């Protein structure tokens, strides 16, 4: 094969690769955004068991078991 054919093949392959990668970039950005939002939401709202644990140790916090009765 002549070098010209290699150049054409390389440009075609590069074009296909760029064409395939174009829809992937917004997806990557979207997945990173979703992951960032999930981490922020997890940082703002702790899990339920952790909230119960923190509430148990706070003085003056109403608990269902102690307040009834």
PDB file of N, CA and C in Angstrom:
ATOM      1  N   UNK A   1       0.843  -1.189   0.000  1.00  0.00           N
ATOM      2  CA  UNK A   1       0.000   0.000   0.000  1.00  0.00           C
ATOM      3  C   UNK A   1       0.884   1.247   0.000  1.00  0.00           C
ATOM      4  N   UNK A   2       0.410   2.240  -0.646  1.00  0.00           N
ATOM      5  CA  UNK A   2       1.174   3.482  -0.683  1.00  0.00           C
ATOM      6  C   UNK A   2       0.870   4.314   0.566  1.00  0.00           C
ATOM      7  N   UNK A   3       1.747   5.247   0.899  1.00  0.00           N
ATOM      8  CA  UNK A   3       1.516   6.089   2.081  1.00  0.00           C
ATOM      9  C   UNK A   3       0.214   6.877   1.985  1.00  0.00           C
ATOM     10  N   UNK A   4      -0.224   7.199   0.769  1.00  0.00           N
ATOM     11  CA  UNK A   4      -1.466   7.945   0.611  1.00  0.00           C
ATOM     12  C   UNK A   4      -2.652   7.138   1.129  1.00  0.00           C
ATOM     13  N   UNK A   5      -2.640   5.824   0.879  1.00  0.00           N
ATOM     14  CA  UNK A   5      -3.731   4.969   1.343  1.00  0.00           C
ATOM     15  C   UNK A   5      -3.742   4.910   2.867  1.00  0.00           C
ATOM     16  N   UNK A   6      -2.539   4.834   3.447  1.00  0.00           N
ATOM     17  CA  UNK A   6      -2.472   4.839   4.909  1.00  0.00           C
ATOM     18  C   UNK A   6      -3.026   6.144   5.479  1.00  0.00           C
ATOM     19  N   UNK A   7      -2.713   7.255   4.830  1.00  0.00           N
ATOM     20  CA  UNK A   7      -3.220   8.548   5.295  1.00  0.00           C
ATOM     21  C   UNK A   7      -4.734   8.622   5.207  1.00  0.00           C
ATOM     22  N   UNK A   8      -5.280   8.113   4.103  1.00  0.00           N
ATOM     23  CA  UNK A   8      -6.739   8.118   3.948  1.00  0.00           C
ATOM     24  C   UNK A   8      -7.382   7.214   5.000  1.00  0.00           C
ATOM     25  N   UNK A   9      -6.787   6.023   5.187  1.00  0.00           N
ATOM     26  CA  UNK A   9      -7.338   5.091   6.179  1.00  0.00           C
ATOM     27  C   UNK A   9      -7.272   5.696   7.580  1.00  0.00           C
ATOM     28  N   UNK A  10      -6.155   6.374   7.885  1.00  0.00           N
ATOM     29  CA  UNK A  10      -6.020   6.984   9.209  1.00  0.00           C
ATOM     30  C   UNK A  10      -7.051   8.087   9.404  1.00  0.00           C
ATOM     31  N   UNK A  11      -7.265   8.910   8.370  1.00  0.00           N
ATOM     32  CA  UNK A  11      -8.238   9.995   8.522  1.00  0.00           C
ATOM     33  C   UNK A  11      -9.661   9.444   8.628  1.00  0.00           C
ATOM     34  N   UNK A  12      -9.945   8.361   7.882  1.00  0.00           N
ATOM     35  CA  UNK A  12     -11.276   7.754   7.979  1.00  0.00           C
ATOM     36  C   UNK A  12     -11.486   7.168   9.371  1.00  0.00           C
ATOM     37  N   UNK A  13     -10.478   6.450   9.867  1.00  0.00           N
ATOM     38  CA  UNK A  13     -10.597   5.866  11.210  1.00  0.00           C
ATOM     39  C   UNK A  13     -10.721   6.952  12.273  1.00  0.00           C
ATOM     40  N   UNK A  14      -9.949   8.042  12.100  1.00  0.00           N
ATOM     41  CA  UNK A  14     -10.033   9.135  13.062  1.00  0.00           C
ATOM     42  C   UNK A  14     -11.419   9.768  13.022  1.00  0.00           C
ATOM     43  N   UNK A  15     -11.973   9.933  11.820  1.00  0.00           N
ATOM     44  CA  UNK A  15     -13.314  10.494  11.694  1.00  0.00           C
ATOM     45  C   UNK A  15     -14.366   9.611  12.332  1.00  0.00           C
ATOM     46  N   UNK A  16     -14.221   8.292  12.146  1.00  0.00           N
ATOM     47  CA  UNK A  16     -15.171   7.364  12.775  1.00  0.00           C
ATOM     48  C   UNK A  16     -15.050   7.433  14.292  1.00  0.00           C
ATOM     49  N   UNK A  17     -13.810   7.473  14.784  1.00  0.00           N
ATOM     50  CA  UNK A  17     -13.604   7.530  16.233  1.00  0.00           C
ATOM     51  C   UNK A  17     -14.178   8.820  16.810  1.00  0.00           C
ATOM     52  N   UNK A  18     -13.934   9.944  16.114  1.00  0.00           N
ATOM     53  CA  UNK A  18     -14.486  11.211  16.603  1.00  0.00           C
ATOM     54  C   UNK A  18     -16.006  11.207  16.523  1.00  0.00           C
ATOM     55  N   UNK A  19     -16.534  10.602  15.464  1.00  0.00           N
ATOM     56  CA  UNK A  19     -17.981  10.513  15.333  1.00  0.00           C
ATOM     57  C   UNK A  19     -18.606   9.672  16.425  1.00  0.00           C
ATOM     58  N   UNK A  20     -17.897   8.632  16.813  1.00  0.00           N
ATOM     59  CA  UNK A  20     -18.416   7.789  17.891  1.00  0.00           C
ATOM     60  C   UNK A  20     -18.256   8.455  19.248  1.00  0.00           C
ATOM     61  N   UNK A  21     -17.222   9.263  19.404  1.00  0.00           N
ATOM     62  CA  UNK A  21     -16.983   9.883  20.705  1.00  0.00           C
ATOM     63  C   UNK A  21     -17.872  11.103  20.935  1.00  0.00           C
ATOM     64  N   UNK A  22     -18.404  11.695  19.885  1.00  0.00           N
ATOM     65  CA  UNK A  22     -19.214  12.903  20.078  1.00  0.00           C
ATOM     66  C   UNK A  22     -20.417  12.672  20.985  1.00  0.00           C
ATOM     67  N   UNK A  23     -21.207  11.606  20.791  1.00  0.00           N
ATOM     68  CA  UNK A  23     -22.321  11.426  21.715  1.00  0.00           C
ATOM     69  C   UNK A  23     -21.889  11.011  23.111  1.00  0.00           C
ATOM     70  N   UNK A  24     -20.648  10.573  23.261  1.00  0.00           N
ATOM     71  CA  UNK A  24     -20.206  10.079  24.564  1.00  0.00           C
ATOM     72  C   UNK A  24     -19.878  11.243  25.498  1.00  0.00           C
ATOM     73  N   UNK A  25     -19.399  12.353  24.956  1.00  0.00           N
ATOM     74  CA  UNK A  25     -18.979  13.455  25.822  1.00  0.00           C
ATOM     75  C   UNK A  25     -20.122  14.022  26.660  1.00  0.00           C
ATOM     76  N   UNK A  26     -21.289  14.308  26.083  1.00  0.00           N
ATOM     77  CA  UNK A  26     -22.387  14.758  26.954  1.00  0.00           C
ATOM     78  C   UNK A  26     -22.789  13.703  27.975  1.00  0.00           C
ATOM     79  N   UNK A  27     -22.691  12.428  27.585  1.00  0.00           N
ATOM     80  CA  UNK A  27     -23.017  11.360  28.532  1.00  0.00           C
ATOM     81  C   UNK A  27     -22.050  11.363  29.701  1.00  0.00           C
ATOM     82  N   UNK A  28     -20.762  11.537  29.408  1.00  0.00           N
ATOM     83  CA  UNK A  28     -19.775  11.576  30.490  1.00  0.00           C
ATOM     84  C   UNK A  28     -20.020  12.778  31.389  1.00  0.00           C
ATOM     85  N   UNK A  29     -20.303  13.911  30.765  1.00  0.00           N
ATOM     86  CA  UNK A  29     -20.573  15.096  31.564  1.00  0.00           C
ATOM     87  C   UNK A  29     -21.817  14.893  32.419  1.00  0.00           C
ATOM     88  N   UNK A  30     -22.851  14.284  31.823  1.00  0.00           N
ATOM     89  CA  UNK A  30     -24.094  14.049  32.546  1.00  0.00           C
ATOM     90  C   UNK A  30     -23.880  13.077  33.698  1.00  0.00           C
ATOM     91  N   UNK A  31     -23.095  12.004  33.476  1.00  0.00           N
ATOM     92  CA  UNK A  31     -22.868  11.034  34.545  1.00  0.00           C
ATOM     93  C   UNK A  31     -22.044  11.657  35.666  1.00  0.00           C
ATOM     94  N   UNK A  32     -21.061  12.498  35.304  1.00  0.00           N
ATOM     95  CA  UNK A  32     -20.291  13.182  36.350  1.00  0.00           C
ATOM     96  C   UNK A  32     -21.177  14.133  37.135  1.00  0.00           C
ATOM     97  N   UNK A  33     -22.083  14.835  36.426  1.00  0.00           N
ATOM     98  CA  UNK A  33     -22.999  15.747  37.103  1.00  0.00           C
ATOM     99  C   UNK A  33     -23.903  14.981  38.055  1.00  0.00           C
ATOM    100  N   UNK A  34     -24.416  13.822  37.594  1.00  0.00           N
ATOM    101  CA  UNK A  34     -25.290  13.011  38.448  1.00  0.00           C
ATOM    102  C   UNK A  34     -24.533  12.501  39.666  1.00  0.00           C
ATOM    103  N   UNK A  35     -23.286  12.076  39.440  1.00  0.00           N
ATOM    104  CA  UNK A  35     -22.497  11.582  40.563  1.00  0.00           C
ATOM    105  C   UNK A  35     -22.222  12.702  41.555  1.00  0.00           C
ATOM    106  N   UNK A  36     -21.925  13.896  41.043  1.00  0.00           N
ATOM    107  CA  UNK A  36     -21.679  15.038  41.913  1.00  0.00           C
ATOM    108  C   UNK A  36     -22.932  15.378  42.711  1.00  0.00           C
ATOM    109  N   UNK A  37     -24.087  15.364  42.044  1.00  0.00           N
ATOM    110  CA  UNK A  37     -25.340  15.638  42.747  1.00  0.00           C
ATOM    111  C   UNK A  37     -25.621  14.585  43.811  1.00  0.00           C
ATOM    112  N   UNK A  38     -25.334  13.326  43.489  1.00  0.00           N
ATOM    113  CA  UNK A  38     -25.584  12.260  44.461  1.00  0.00           C
ATOM    114  C   UNK A  38     -24.691  12.432  45.683  1.00  0.00           C
ATOM    115  N   UNK A  39     -23.417  12.785  45.470  1.00  0.00           N
ATOM    116  CA  UNK A  39     -22.520  12.987  46.608  1.00  0.00           C
ATOM    117  C   UNK A  39     -22.955  14.177  47.444  1.00  0.00           C
ATOM    118  N   UNK A  40     -23.397  15.245  46.773  1.00  0.00           N
ATOM    119  CA  UNK A  40     -23.855  16.413  47.535  1.00  0.00           C
ATOM    120  C   UNK A  40     -25.106  16.096  48.335  1.00  0.00           C
ATOM    121  N   UNK A  41     -26.028  15.358  47.724  1.00  0.00           N
ATOM    122  CA  UNK A  41     -27.254  14.988  48.437  1.00  0.00           C
ATOM    123  C   UNK A  41     -26.933  14.079  49.615  1.00  0.00           C
ATOM    124  N   UNK A  42     -25.979  13.174  49.429  1.00  0.00           N
ATOM    125  CA  UNK A  42     -25.596  12.287  50.528  1.00  0.00           C
ATOM    126  C   UNK A  42     -24.921  13.072  51.640  1.00  0.00           C
ATOM    127  N   UNK A  43     -24.169  14.111  51.283  1.00  0.00           N
ATOM    128  CA  UNK A  43     -23.512  14.922  52.307  1.00  0.00           C
ATOM    129  C   UNK A  43     -24.533  15.767  53.061  1.00  0.00           C
ATOM    130  N   UNK A  44     -25.572  16.242  52.369  1.00  0.00           N
ATOM    131  CA  UNK A  44     -26.575  17.072  53.037  1.00  0.00           C
ATOM    132  C   UNK A  44     -27.527  16.239  53.878  1.00  0.00           C
ATOM    133  N   UNK A  45     -27.943  15.110  53.366  1.00  0.00           N
ATOM    134  CA  UNK A  45     -28.913  14.269  54.065  1.00  0.00           C
ATOM    135  C   UNK A  45     -28.256  12.950  54.448  1.00  0.00           C
ATOM    136  N   UNK A  46     -27.869  12.790  55.697  1.00  0.00           N
ATOM    137  CA  UNK A  46     -27.260  11.528  56.113  1.00  0.00           C
ATOM    138  C   UNK A  46     -28.284  10.396  56.085  1.00  0.00           C
ATOM    139  N   UNK A  47     -27.828   9.167  56.051  1.00  0.00           N
ATOM    140  CA  UNK A  47     -28.773   8.049  56.035  1.00  0.00           C
ATOM    141  C   UNK A  47     -29.624   7.994  57.303  1.00  0.00           C
ATOM    142  N   UNK A  48     -30.725   7.277  57.209  1.00  0.00           N
ATOM    143  CA  UNK A  48     -31.705   7.252  58.304  1.00  0.00           C
ATOM    144  C   UNK A  48     -31.108   6.703  59.596  1.00  0.00           C
ATOM    145  N   UNK A  49     -30.314   5.634  59.507  1.00  0.00           N
ATOM    146  CA  UNK A  49     -29.749   5.047  60.728  1.00  0.00           C
ATOM    147  C   UNK A  49     -28.788   6.012  61.400  1.00  0.00           C
ATOM    148  N   UNK A  50     -28.081   6.822  60.589  1.00  0.00           N
ATOM    149  CA  UNK A  50     -27.153   7.787  61.167  1.00  0.00           C
ATOM    150  C   UNK A  50     -27.927   8.933  61.814  1.00  0.00           C
ATOM    151  N   UNK A  51     -29.031   9.333  61.191  1.00  0.00           N
ATOM    152  CA  UNK A  51     -29.861  10.374  61.805  1.00  0.00           C
ATOM    153  C   UNK A  51     -30.421   9.915  63.137  1.00  0.00           C
ATOM    154  N   UNK A  52     -30.875   8.656  63.194  1.00  0.00           N
ATOM    155  CA  UNK A  52     -31.402   8.136  64.459  1.00  0.00           C
ATOM    156  C   UNK A  52     -30.311   8.069  65.520  1.00  0.00           C
ATOM    157  N   UNK A  53     -29.105   7.681  65.112  1.00  0.00           N
ATOM    158  CA  UNK A  53     -27.995   7.592  66.059  1.00  0.00           C
ATOM    159  C   UNK A  53     -27.649   8.970  66.607  1.00  0.00           C
ATOM    160  N   UNK A  54     -27.576   9.974  65.709  1.00  0.00           N
ATOM    161  CA  UNK A  54     -27.278  11.322  66.167  1.00  0.00           C
ATOM    162  C   UNK A  54     -28.397  11.853  67.054  1.00  0.00           C
ATOM    163  N   UNK A  55     -29.638  11.576  66.709  1.00  0.00           N
ATOM    164  CA  UNK A  55     -30.764  12.071  67.499  1.00  0.00           C
ATOM    165  C   UNK A  55     -30.767  11.433  68.881  1.00  0.00           C
ATOM    166  N   UNK A  56     -30.314  10.196  68.981  1.00  0.00           N
ATOM    167  CA  UNK A  56     -30.306   9.507  70.270  1.00  0.00           C
ATOM    168  C   UNK A  56     -29.330  10.173  71.225  1.00  0.00           C
ATOM    169  N   UNK A  57     -28.223  10.679  70.698  1.00  0.00           N
ATOM    170  CA  UNK A  57     -27.200  11.251  71.571  1.00  0.00           C
ATOM    171  C   UNK A  57     -27.429  12.723  71.892  1.00  0.00           C
ATOM    172  N   UNK A  58     -28.359  13.357  71.217  1.00  0.00           N
ATOM    173  CA  UNK A  58     -28.597  14.767  71.499  1.00  0.00           C
ATOM    174  C   UNK A  58     -29.470  14.918  72.732  1.00  0.00           C
ATOM    175  N   UNK A  59     -29.111  15.793  73.647  1.00  0.00           N
ATOM    176  CA  UNK A  59     -29.969  16.009  74.814  1.00  0.00           C
ATOM    177  C   UNK A  59     -31.227  16.780  74.418  1.00  0.00           C
ATOM    178  N   UNK A  60     -32.339  16.401  75.012  1.00  0.00           N
ATOM    179  CA  UNK A  60     -33.591  17.091  74.762  1.00  0.00           C
ATOM    180  C   UNK A  60     -34.285  16.676  73.485  1.00  0.00           C
ATOM    181  N   UNK A  61     -33.780  15.664  72.817  1.00  0.00           N
ATOM    182  CA  UNK A  61     -34.427  15.230  71.583  1.00  0.00           C
ATOM    183  C   UNK A  61     -35.565  14.287  71.914  1.00  0.00           C
ATOM    184  N   UNK A  62     -36.708  14.516  71.293  1.00  0.00           N
ATOM    185  CA  UNK A  62     -37.879  13.664  71.553  1.00  0.00           C
ATOM    186  C   UNK A  62     -37.697  12.317  70.884  1.00  0.00           C
ATOM    187  N   UNK A  63     -37.899  11.283  71.646  1.00  0.00           N
ATOM    188  CA  UNK A  63     -37.871   9.930  71.091  1.00  0.00           C
ATOM    189  C   UNK A  63     -39.213   9.280  71.344  1.00  0.00           C
ATOM    190  N   UNK A  64     -39.628   8.461  70.398  1.00  0.00           N
ATOM    191  CA  UNK A  64     -40.952   7.856  70.519  1.00  0.00           C
ATOM    192  C   UNK A  64     -41.046   6.962  71.750  1.00  0.00           C
ATOM    193  N   UNK A  65     -40.032   6.198  72.020  1.00  0.00           N
ATOM    194  CA  UNK A  65     -40.084   5.247  73.119  1.00  0.00           C
ATOM    195  C   UNK A  65     -40.122   5.918  74.479  1.00  0.00           C
ATOM    196  N   UNK A  66     -39.356   6.976  74.666  1.00  0.00           N
ATOM    197  CA  UNK A  66     -39.287   7.632  75.967  1.00  0.00           C
ATOM    198  C   UNK A  66     -40.478   8.547  76.205  1.00  0.00           C
ATOM    199  N   UNK A  67     -40.973   9.194  75.154  1.00  0.00           N
ATOM    200  CA  UNK A  67     -42.038  10.173  75.344  1.00  0.00           C
ATOM    201  C   UNK A  67     -43.389   9.521  75.562  1.00  0.00           C
ATOM    202  N   UNK A  68     -43.556   8.324  75.080  1.00  0.00           N
ATOM    203  CA  UNK A  68     -44.827   7.633  75.312  1.00  0.00           C
ATOM    204  C   UNK A  68     -44.799   6.988  76.687  1.00  0.00           C
ATOM    205  N   UNK A  69     -45.843   7.130  77.423  1.00  0.00           N
ATOM    206  CA  UNK A  69     -45.897   6.390  78.663  1.00  0.00           C
ATOM    207  C   UNK A  69     -45.898   7.274  79.833  1.00  0.00           C
TER     208      UNK A  69
END
